[in-house]
Amino acid sequence: MTTTSRPDVAVIGAGVVGLGVAWRAVQRGLRVVVLERAALGQPDGAASPVAAGMLAPVSEADVGERALLDLGLRAAAAWPAFSAELGDDVGYRTCGTLLVARGADEAAALEREQALRESLGLHAERLLPSAARRLEPALAPHVRAALHVADDHAADPRRLHAALRTAALAAGVEIHTGADVTRLAREGTRATGVVLADGTTIEAGQVVVAAGAWSGTELGLPQDARVPVRPVKGQILRLRDPDGPGLLDRVLRFEGGYVVPRGDGRYVLGATMEERGFDTTVTAGGVYELLRDAIDLVPGIDELVIEETAVGFRPGVPDNTPILGRSAQVDGLVWATGHHRNGILLASITGDLVADVLTGTAAEVPA
C-alpha cells in the first residue's frame, strides 16, 4: 500500500473509536492515515458492528466506578451535538430505558440503582408493574418492579460507523483496509510508525492504537509497555417484527440482558459476557439464555424473525475505564482503547479527548 505523504498520525483500527479520533485529528490540522486489518463495518469480531448502541452511563457503570461514570455522563450530554454534527442518520433515539425486575433480588438492585441516580442528581422514576405495562403493554404480567429512565438514549452503531467513515473521508483521512499492523516501528524509545504483515513500513509522527480488543497484542512492545486489554466475548441476536414497529418503544434492560428497539420493527437482543478469548462461535446455550429471559419478560418476542446472530469482542480492562492518553514508556504512542461496553456512548467525546493529546492541547485525558 502507499500513502500520499508521511502522515502526522497513524491510527490502528477503524472502529468508531479509531475513525472518531482520525476525524477529530484532521479537523485540528493533522494528516492522518487509518489502518484496518479487516473490511470496514463487517461483524468479524469487532465490537462496533455488533454493539447494541445503548447510551446509558449510569446503567453501564457499576457502583464505585466513578471515573467511568463521570466520563459516561459527559459523553451522554455531548451526544445530541455529536449526532447533529455528523449530519447523517446515526439512529439516535431519545427513547428512554425501562429497567425491570422479576424477583426480590432484582427489585432490590433497582432500588440501589435509583439511589445511585438520586445521589448524582439524576432522575429515575420507580414504577409499579401496572404503570410499567402502561408504558410497554407487551411486558409480561409477572414483572415485579420497574425503573423508568427517560434520559437514557440509544443509537445505531452500524449507522454511526458509516457516518464516521463518510465524515473522516470527507475531511481528508486516508483509510486502508487489509492493513494488518504487526508491530510498531521504533527508534529507541520512540514510535516512528508501524510495520504491516507484508513488511511495509509506514512512517508517522505519532501512532494511536485504537484496535479494540486487539489492542493488548504484543505490537513488538516489551511487557511493561503493553496495556491490559482482553477480549470479552458477547453473543447477540438481531430480530425483526414482520408486523413492523410497536412491540417495544423503549430500551428494555433486565438481569442478564437487554432488548434495544431500532424504531422500525428491528431489535437487538444481547448480550452474553464470556471470558473465552477470541472464540467466534455462536452457541446454542448463549442463544437460548438470551431468548429465554427476553421471552419471559416480553412473550411477543417469540414471534420475531431472527435475522442475524453475531459475536463481538469488547475490549475489557481491569477497572472498566478506557485507556486514553500517551504511553509512559514509548514516546509518540497514544492509546485509545479499553472502552469495554461503552464504545458507542463514549464515541461522542473520545475523538476530541485524544485529538487534544495529539495536538498538545491537553497533556493527558482528564479523569
Protein backbone atom coordinates (compact mmCIF):
# COMPACT_ATOMS: atom_id res chain seq x y z
CA MET A 1 0.00 0.00 0.00
CA THR A 2 1.05 3.60 -0.46
CA THR A 3 0.11 6.82 1.28
CA THR A 4 0.02 10.27 -0.27
CA SER A 5 2.57 11.60 2.23
CA ARG A 6 4.14 10.80 5.57
CA PRO A 7 1.20 11.26 7.94
CA ASP A 8 1.37 13.10 11.22
CA VAL A 9 -0.67 10.31 12.81
CA ALA A 10 -1.21 6.62 12.03
CA VAL A 11 -4.33 5.22 13.69
CA ILE A 12 -4.51 1.44 14.15
CA GLY A 13 -8.14 0.39 13.95
CA ALA A 14 -11.17 1.70 12.05
CA GLY A 15 -13.96 1.12 14.53
CA VAL A 16 -16.00 4.03 15.83
CA VAL A 17 -13.16 4.97 18.20
CA GLY A 18 -10.41 4.94 15.56
CA LEU A 19 -12.48 6.77 12.99
CA GLY A 20 -13.61 9.31 15.57
CA VAL A 21 -10.03 10.03 16.62
CA ALA A 22 -8.93 10.35 12.98
CA TRP A 23 -11.82 12.69 12.12
CA ARG A 24 -11.16 14.99 15.06
CA ALA A 25 -7.38 14.97 14.49
CA VAL A 26 -7.79 16.06 10.84
CA GLN A 27 -10.13 18.83 11.96
CA ARG A 28 -7.20 20.10 14.05
CA GLY A 29 -4.92 20.23 11.02
CA LEU A 30 -3.12 16.88 11.28
CA ARG A 31 -2.57 14.47 8.37
CA VAL A 32 -3.97 11.09 9.37
CA VAL A 33 -3.96 7.57 7.96
CA VAL A 34 -6.17 4.81 9.42
CA LEU A 35 -5.06 1.20 9.14
CA GLU A 36 -7.65 -1.57 9.46
CA ARG A 37 -6.94 -5.29 9.25
CA ALA A 38 -10.45 -6.24 8.01
CA ALA A 39 -13.22 -4.88 5.81
CA LEU A 40 -14.96 -1.85 7.26
CA GLY A 41 -18.11 -2.40 9.27
CA GLN A 42 -18.17 -6.19 8.97
CA PRO A 43 -19.14 -8.26 12.06
CA ASP A 44 -15.86 -10.20 12.17
CA GLY A 45 -15.49 -9.95 15.93
CA ALA A 46 -15.02 -6.19 16.07
CA ALA A 47 -17.20 -4.52 18.67
CA SER A 48 -18.55 -1.61 16.59
CA PRO A 49 -20.75 -3.58 14.13
CA VAL A 50 -22.13 -5.83 16.88
CA ALA A 51 -22.81 -3.28 19.63
CA ALA A 52 -26.40 -2.56 20.63
CA GLY A 53 -25.90 1.20 20.96
CA MET A 54 -27.29 1.97 24.41
CA LEU A 55 -26.36 5.43 25.67
CA ALA A 56 -26.86 4.73 29.36
CA PRO A 57 -23.93 5.88 31.50
CA VAL A 58 -25.36 5.05 34.93
CA SER A 59 -26.78 1.68 33.95
CA GLU A 60 -23.45 0.60 32.46
CA ALA A 61 -21.23 1.74 35.36
CA ASP A 62 -21.01 -0.45 38.42
CA VAL A 63 -21.11 1.08 41.88
CA GLY A 64 -17.67 2.51 42.67
CA GLU A 65 -16.67 3.14 39.04
CA ARG A 66 -16.85 6.91 39.48
CA ALA A 67 -14.27 7.82 36.83
CA LEU A 68 -16.14 5.76 34.24
CA LEU A 69 -19.46 7.21 35.37
CA ASP A 70 -18.25 10.81 35.09
CA LEU A 71 -16.84 10.13 31.62
CA GLY A 72 -20.10 8.48 30.57
CA LEU A 73 -22.23 11.37 31.80
CA ARG A 74 -20.08 13.82 29.83
CA ALA A 75 -20.40 11.63 26.75
CA ALA A 76 -24.18 11.33 27.06
CA ALA A 77 -24.51 15.12 27.31
CA ALA A 78 -22.36 15.50 24.18
CA TRP A 79 -24.31 13.03 22.07
CA PRO A 80 -27.03 15.34 20.63
CA ALA A 81 -24.45 17.78 19.24
CA PHE A 82 -22.19 14.93 18.11
CA SER A 83 -25.05 13.31 16.19
CA ALA A 84 -26.07 16.61 14.62
CA GLU A 85 -22.50 17.44 13.57
CA LEU A 86 -22.14 14.18 11.69
CA GLY A 87 -25.02 15.33 9.53
CA ASP A 88 -26.17 11.80 8.85
CA ASP A 89 -28.71 9.39 10.25
CA VAL A 90 -26.97 7.57 13.09
CA GLY A 91 -30.20 6.16 14.50
CA TYR A 92 -30.08 8.46 17.52
CA ARG A 93 -33.27 7.93 19.54
CA THR A 94 -34.34 9.66 22.76
CA CYS A 95 -36.34 6.60 23.68
CA GLY A 96 -35.56 6.10 27.37
CA THR A 97 -34.87 2.87 29.21
CA LEU A 98 -37.14 0.66 31.27
CA LEU A 99 -35.28 -1.49 33.78
CA VAL A 100 -37.42 -4.36 35.02
CA ALA A 101 -37.20 -6.85 37.88
CA ARG A 102 -38.78 -10.27 38.20
CA GLY A 103 -37.90 -11.21 41.78
CA ALA A 104 -36.97 -9.73 45.13
CA ASP A 105 -33.22 -9.65 44.45
CA GLU A 106 -33.68 -7.89 41.13
CA ALA A 107 -36.12 -5.42 42.72
CA ALA A 108 -33.51 -4.62 45.39
CA ALA A 109 -30.94 -3.99 42.64
CA LEU A 110 -33.32 -1.47 41.06
CA GLU A 111 -33.63 0.31 44.40
CA ARG A 112 -29.83 0.60 44.57
CA GLU A 113 -29.69 1.95 41.03
CA GLN A 114 -32.35 4.53 41.82
CA ALA A 115 -30.45 5.60 44.93
CA LEU A 116 -27.25 5.99 42.89
CA ARG A 117 -29.02 8.15 40.34
CA GLU A 118 -30.61 10.32 43.01
CA SER A 119 -27.23 10.80 44.69
CA LEU A 120 -25.96 12.19 41.38
CA GLY A 121 -28.94 14.45 40.87
CA LEU A 122 -30.25 12.29 38.03
CA HIS A 123 -33.88 11.40 37.58
CA ALA A 124 -35.29 7.89 37.58
CA GLU A 125 -38.93 7.05 38.20
CA ARG A 126 -39.85 3.95 40.19
CA LEU A 127 -42.92 2.30 38.67
CA LEU A 128 -45.43 -0.23 39.87
CA PRO A 129 -45.85 -3.19 37.49
CA SER A 130 -49.18 -1.83 36.24
CA ALA A 131 -47.57 1.52 35.37
CA ALA A 132 -44.69 -0.23 33.61
CA ARG A 133 -47.17 -2.18 31.48
CA ARG A 134 -48.98 1.03 30.57
CA LEU A 135 -45.69 2.30 29.16
CA GLU A 136 -44.86 -1.02 27.48
CA PRO A 137 -48.02 -3.12 27.09
CA ALA A 138 -46.06 -6.11 25.74
CA LEU A 139 -44.50 -6.75 29.18
CA ALA A 140 -45.42 -10.00 30.91
CA PRO A 141 -47.77 -9.71 33.92
CA HIS A 142 -45.25 -11.16 36.38
CA VAL A 143 -42.90 -8.14 36.25
CA ARG A 144 -42.39 -7.23 39.90
CA ALA A 145 -40.92 -3.71 39.68
CA ALA A 146 -39.55 -1.26 37.14
CA LEU A 147 -37.41 1.84 36.89
CA HIS A 148 -38.05 4.32 34.08
CA VAL A 149 -35.01 6.33 32.96
CA ALA A 150 -36.34 8.78 30.41
CA ASP A 151 -32.98 10.42 29.66
CA ASP A 152 -31.23 7.21 28.58
CA HIS A 153 -30.95 7.23 24.80
CA ALA A 154 -29.78 4.89 22.03
CA ALA A 155 -28.05 4.96 18.65
CA ASP A 156 -27.49 2.53 15.80
CA PRO A 157 -23.76 1.63 15.83
CA ARG A 158 -23.72 0.47 12.22
CA ARG A 159 -25.17 3.76 11.02
CA LEU A 160 -22.79 5.63 13.32
CA HIS A 161 -19.81 3.75 11.89
CA ALA A 162 -20.89 4.55 8.33
CA ALA A 163 -21.40 8.23 9.17
CA LEU A 164 -17.98 8.49 10.83
CA ARG A 165 -16.34 6.85 7.82
CA THR A 166 -18.05 9.34 5.49
CA ALA A 167 -17.08 12.30 7.69
CA ALA A 168 -13.47 11.13 8.04
CA LEU A 169 -13.01 10.61 4.31
CA ALA A 170 -14.61 13.97 3.52
CA ALA A 171 -12.23 15.64 5.97
CA GLY A 172 -9.20 14.07 4.25
CA VAL A 173 -8.44 10.98 6.32
CA GLU A 174 -6.82 8.12 4.40
CA ILE A 175 -8.37 4.74 5.28
CA HIS A 176 -6.67 1.50 4.27
CA THR A 177 -8.29 -1.89 4.79
CA GLY A 178 -6.44 -5.21 4.72
CA ALA A 179 -3.64 -3.37 6.54
CA ASP A 180 -2.67 -5.75 9.33
CA VAL A 181 -0.28 -3.99 11.71
CA THR A 182 2.10 -6.48 13.34
CA ARG A 183 4.35 -4.12 15.29
CA LEU A 184 5.35 -0.55 15.87
CA ALA A 185 8.41 0.85 14.11
CA ARG A 186 10.65 2.35 16.77
CA GLU A 187 13.88 4.22 17.19
CA GLY A 188 14.96 3.64 20.77
CA THR A 189 12.01 4.53 22.98
CA ARG A 190 10.14 6.47 20.29
CA ALA A 191 7.45 5.14 17.94
CA THR A 192 8.20 6.22 14.37
CA GLY A 193 5.39 4.41 12.57
CA VAL A 194 4.03 0.92 12.03
CA VAL A 195 5.06 -2.26 10.22
CA LEU A 196 2.43 -4.28 8.33
CA ALA A 197 2.21 -8.03 7.91
CA ASP A 198 3.50 -7.73 4.32
CA GLY A 199 6.63 -5.96 5.55
CA THR A 200 5.56 -2.45 4.56
CA THR A 201 6.65 0.27 6.97
CA ILE A 202 4.51 3.38 7.28
CA GLU A 203 6.30 6.23 8.98
CA ALA A 204 4.25 8.58 11.15
CA GLY A 205 4.89 11.30 13.68
CA GLN A 206 2.58 9.65 16.23
CA VAL A 207 0.75 6.33 16.44
CA VAL A 208 -2.68 5.81 18.01
CA VAL A 209 -3.68 2.29 18.99
CA ALA A 210 -7.47 2.09 18.69
CA ALA A 211 -7.65 -1.60 17.87
CA GLY A 212 -10.34 -2.54 20.36
CA ALA A 213 -9.92 -6.00 21.85
CA TRP A 214 -6.77 -6.49 19.78
CA SER A 215 -5.03 -3.52 21.44
CA GLY A 216 -3.45 -5.78 24.03
CA THR A 217 -1.48 -7.78 21.48
CA GLU A 218 2.28 -7.55 21.52
CA LEU A 219 2.92 -4.98 18.72
CA GLY A 220 6.61 -5.59 19.32
CA LEU A 221 6.42 -3.84 22.68
CA PRO A 222 8.02 -5.05 25.91
CA GLN A 223 5.61 -6.40 28.50
CA ASP A 224 5.68 -3.28 30.67
CA ALA A 225 4.71 -1.08 27.71
CA ARG A 226 1.58 -3.03 26.76
CA VAL A 227 -1.93 -2.37 28.02
CA PRO A 228 -4.06 -4.95 29.88
CA VAL A 229 -6.80 -5.19 27.25
CA ARG A 230 -8.52 -8.54 26.81
CA PRO A 231 -11.43 -9.72 24.63
CA VAL A 232 -14.77 -10.16 26.41
CA LYS A 233 -17.00 -12.20 24.14
CA GLY A 234 -20.59 -11.16 23.58
CA GLN A 235 -23.21 -13.05 21.59
CA ILE A 236 -26.15 -11.03 20.21
CA LEU A 237 -29.26 -11.61 18.12
CA ARG A 238 -30.81 -9.24 15.61
CA LEU A 239 -34.56 -9.68 15.36
CA ARG A 240 -37.28 -8.29 13.10
CA ASP A 241 -41.02 -7.99 13.61
CA PRO A 242 -42.83 -8.80 10.33
CA ASP A 243 -45.66 -6.54 11.53
CA GLY A 244 -43.38 -3.55 11.89
CA PRO A 245 -42.58 -1.40 14.94
CA GLY A 246 -44.62 -1.30 18.13
CA LEU A 247 -43.71 -4.32 20.26
CA LEU A 248 -41.35 -2.17 22.36
CA ASP A 249 -40.66 1.55 22.18
CA ARG A 250 -38.05 1.83 24.94
CA VAL A 251 -34.83 0.02 25.62
CA LEU A 252 -35.63 -2.85 27.99
CA ARG A 253 -32.95 -3.90 30.46
CA PHE A 254 -33.15 -6.90 32.74
CA GLU A 255 -30.84 -9.13 34.75
CA GLY A 256 -28.59 -10.76 32.17
CA GLY A 257 -29.56 -8.86 29.05
CA TYR A 258 -31.35 -6.11 27.13
CA VAL A 259 -33.58 -5.50 24.13
CA VAL A 260 -32.87 -2.38 22.07
CA PRO A 261 -35.55 -1.31 19.56
CA ARG A 262 -34.39 0.47 16.44
CA GLY A 263 -37.80 2.11 15.95
CA ASP A 264 -38.53 0.37 12.65
CA GLY A 265 -39.51 -3.13 13.77
CA ARG A 266 -35.93 -4.31 14.30
CA TYR A 267 -34.50 -5.21 17.69
CA VAL A 268 -31.11 -6.13 19.12
CA LEU A 269 -31.14 -8.75 21.86
CA GLY A 270 -27.96 -9.15 23.86
CA ALA A 271 -25.58 -9.89 25.19
CA THR A 272 -23.59 -12.63 26.84
CA MET A 273 -20.43 -11.81 28.83
CA GLU A 274 -17.86 -14.55 28.28
CA GLU A 275 -14.17 -14.80 29.07
CA ARG A 276 -13.28 -17.11 26.17
CA GLY A 277 -10.58 -15.23 24.32
CA PHE A 278 -11.18 -14.72 20.60
CA ASP A 279 -13.76 -17.51 20.30
CA THR A 280 -16.10 -16.55 17.45
CA THR A 281 -18.63 -19.38 17.86
CA VAL A 282 -22.31 -18.67 18.38
CA THR A 283 -23.51 -21.29 20.85
CA ALA A 284 -26.91 -22.87 21.39
CA GLY A 285 -26.60 -22.15 25.10
CA GLY A 286 -25.87 -18.46 24.57
CA VAL A 287 -28.78 -18.01 22.16
CA TYR A 288 -31.11 -19.99 24.44
CA GLU A 289 -30.29 -17.91 27.51
CA LEU A 290 -30.86 -14.64 25.69
CA LEU A 291 -34.17 -15.75 24.18
CA ARG A 292 -35.37 -17.46 27.37
CA ASP A 293 -35.05 -14.36 29.53
CA ALA A 294 -36.31 -11.94 26.88
CA ILE A 295 -39.39 -14.03 26.04
CA ASP A 296 -40.12 -14.49 29.74
CA LEU A 297 -40.42 -10.70 30.03
CA VAL A 298 -41.87 -9.93 26.58
CA PRO A 299 -43.74 -13.01 25.31
CA GLY A 300 -44.26 -11.42 21.88
CA ILE A 301 -40.56 -11.76 21.14
CA ASP A 302 -41.13 -15.42 20.27
CA GLU A 303 -42.92 -14.26 17.09
CA LEU A 304 -39.98 -12.22 15.82
CA VAL A 305 -37.75 -13.33 12.97
CA ILE A 306 -34.08 -13.98 13.73
CA GLU A 307 -32.18 -12.06 11.07
CA GLU A 308 -28.65 -12.42 12.40
CA THR A 309 -26.56 -13.96 15.12
CA ALA A 310 -23.17 -12.44 15.80
CA VAL A 311 -20.22 -12.37 18.16
CA GLY A 312 -18.29 -9.28 19.17
CA PHE A 313 -15.28 -8.80 21.42
CA ARG A 314 -15.48 -5.95 23.89
CA PRO A 315 -12.08 -4.51 24.81
CA GLY A 316 -12.09 -5.23 28.54
CA VAL A 317 -9.69 -3.74 31.07
CA PRO A 318 -9.35 -4.48 34.81
CA ASP A 319 -11.15 -1.36 36.08
CA ASN A 320 -13.53 -0.98 33.09
CA THR A 321 -12.22 2.58 32.50
CA PRO A 322 -10.89 3.32 28.98
CA ILE A 323 -7.16 3.75 28.46
CA LEU A 324 -6.84 7.15 26.78
CA GLY A 325 -3.61 9.11 26.52
CA ARG A 326 0.11 8.87 25.96
CA SER A 327 2.19 5.82 26.71
CA ALA A 328 4.51 6.31 29.66
CA GLN A 329 7.12 4.03 28.09
CA VAL A 330 7.06 4.81 24.35
CA ASP A 331 7.23 8.38 23.06
CA GLY A 332 4.84 9.10 20.21
CA LEU A 333 2.47 6.27 21.17
CA VAL A 334 -1.08 7.15 22.21
CA TRP A 335 -3.72 4.72 23.48
CA ALA A 336 -7.44 4.94 22.66
CA THR A 337 -8.80 1.62 23.82
CA GLY A 338 -10.41 -0.34 26.65
CA HIS A 339 -13.94 1.02 26.18
CA HIS A 340 -15.49 -2.35 27.06
CA ARG A 341 -19.30 -1.90 26.95
CA ASN A 342 -19.16 1.85 26.38
CA GLY A 343 -17.57 2.39 22.98
CA ILE A 344 -20.69 3.82 21.34
CA LEU A 345 -21.55 6.02 24.30
CA LEU A 346 -18.00 7.38 24.61
CA ALA A 347 -17.62 7.89 20.84
CA SER A 348 -19.07 11.37 21.30
CA ILE A 349 -16.03 12.59 23.28
CA THR A 350 -13.17 10.10 22.75
CA GLY A 351 -12.12 11.63 19.44
CA ASP A 352 -11.89 15.11 20.92
CA LEU A 353 -10.04 13.95 24.03
CA VAL A 354 -7.42 12.00 22.08
CA ALA A 355 -7.05 14.68 19.39
CA ASP A 356 -6.28 17.18 22.16
CA VAL A 357 -3.47 14.88 23.34
CA LEU A 358 -2.14 14.52 19.78
CA THR A 359 -2.01 18.27 19.24
CA GLY A 360 -0.62 19.06 22.67
CA THR A 361 -3.75 20.94 23.72
CA ALA A 362 -4.04 18.55 26.65
CA ALA A 363 -1.12 16.65 28.12
CA GLU A 364 -3.40 13.86 29.30
CA VAL A 365 -7.05 12.89 29.13
CA PRO A 366 -8.79 14.23 32.22
CA ALA A 367 -10.30 11.60 34.54
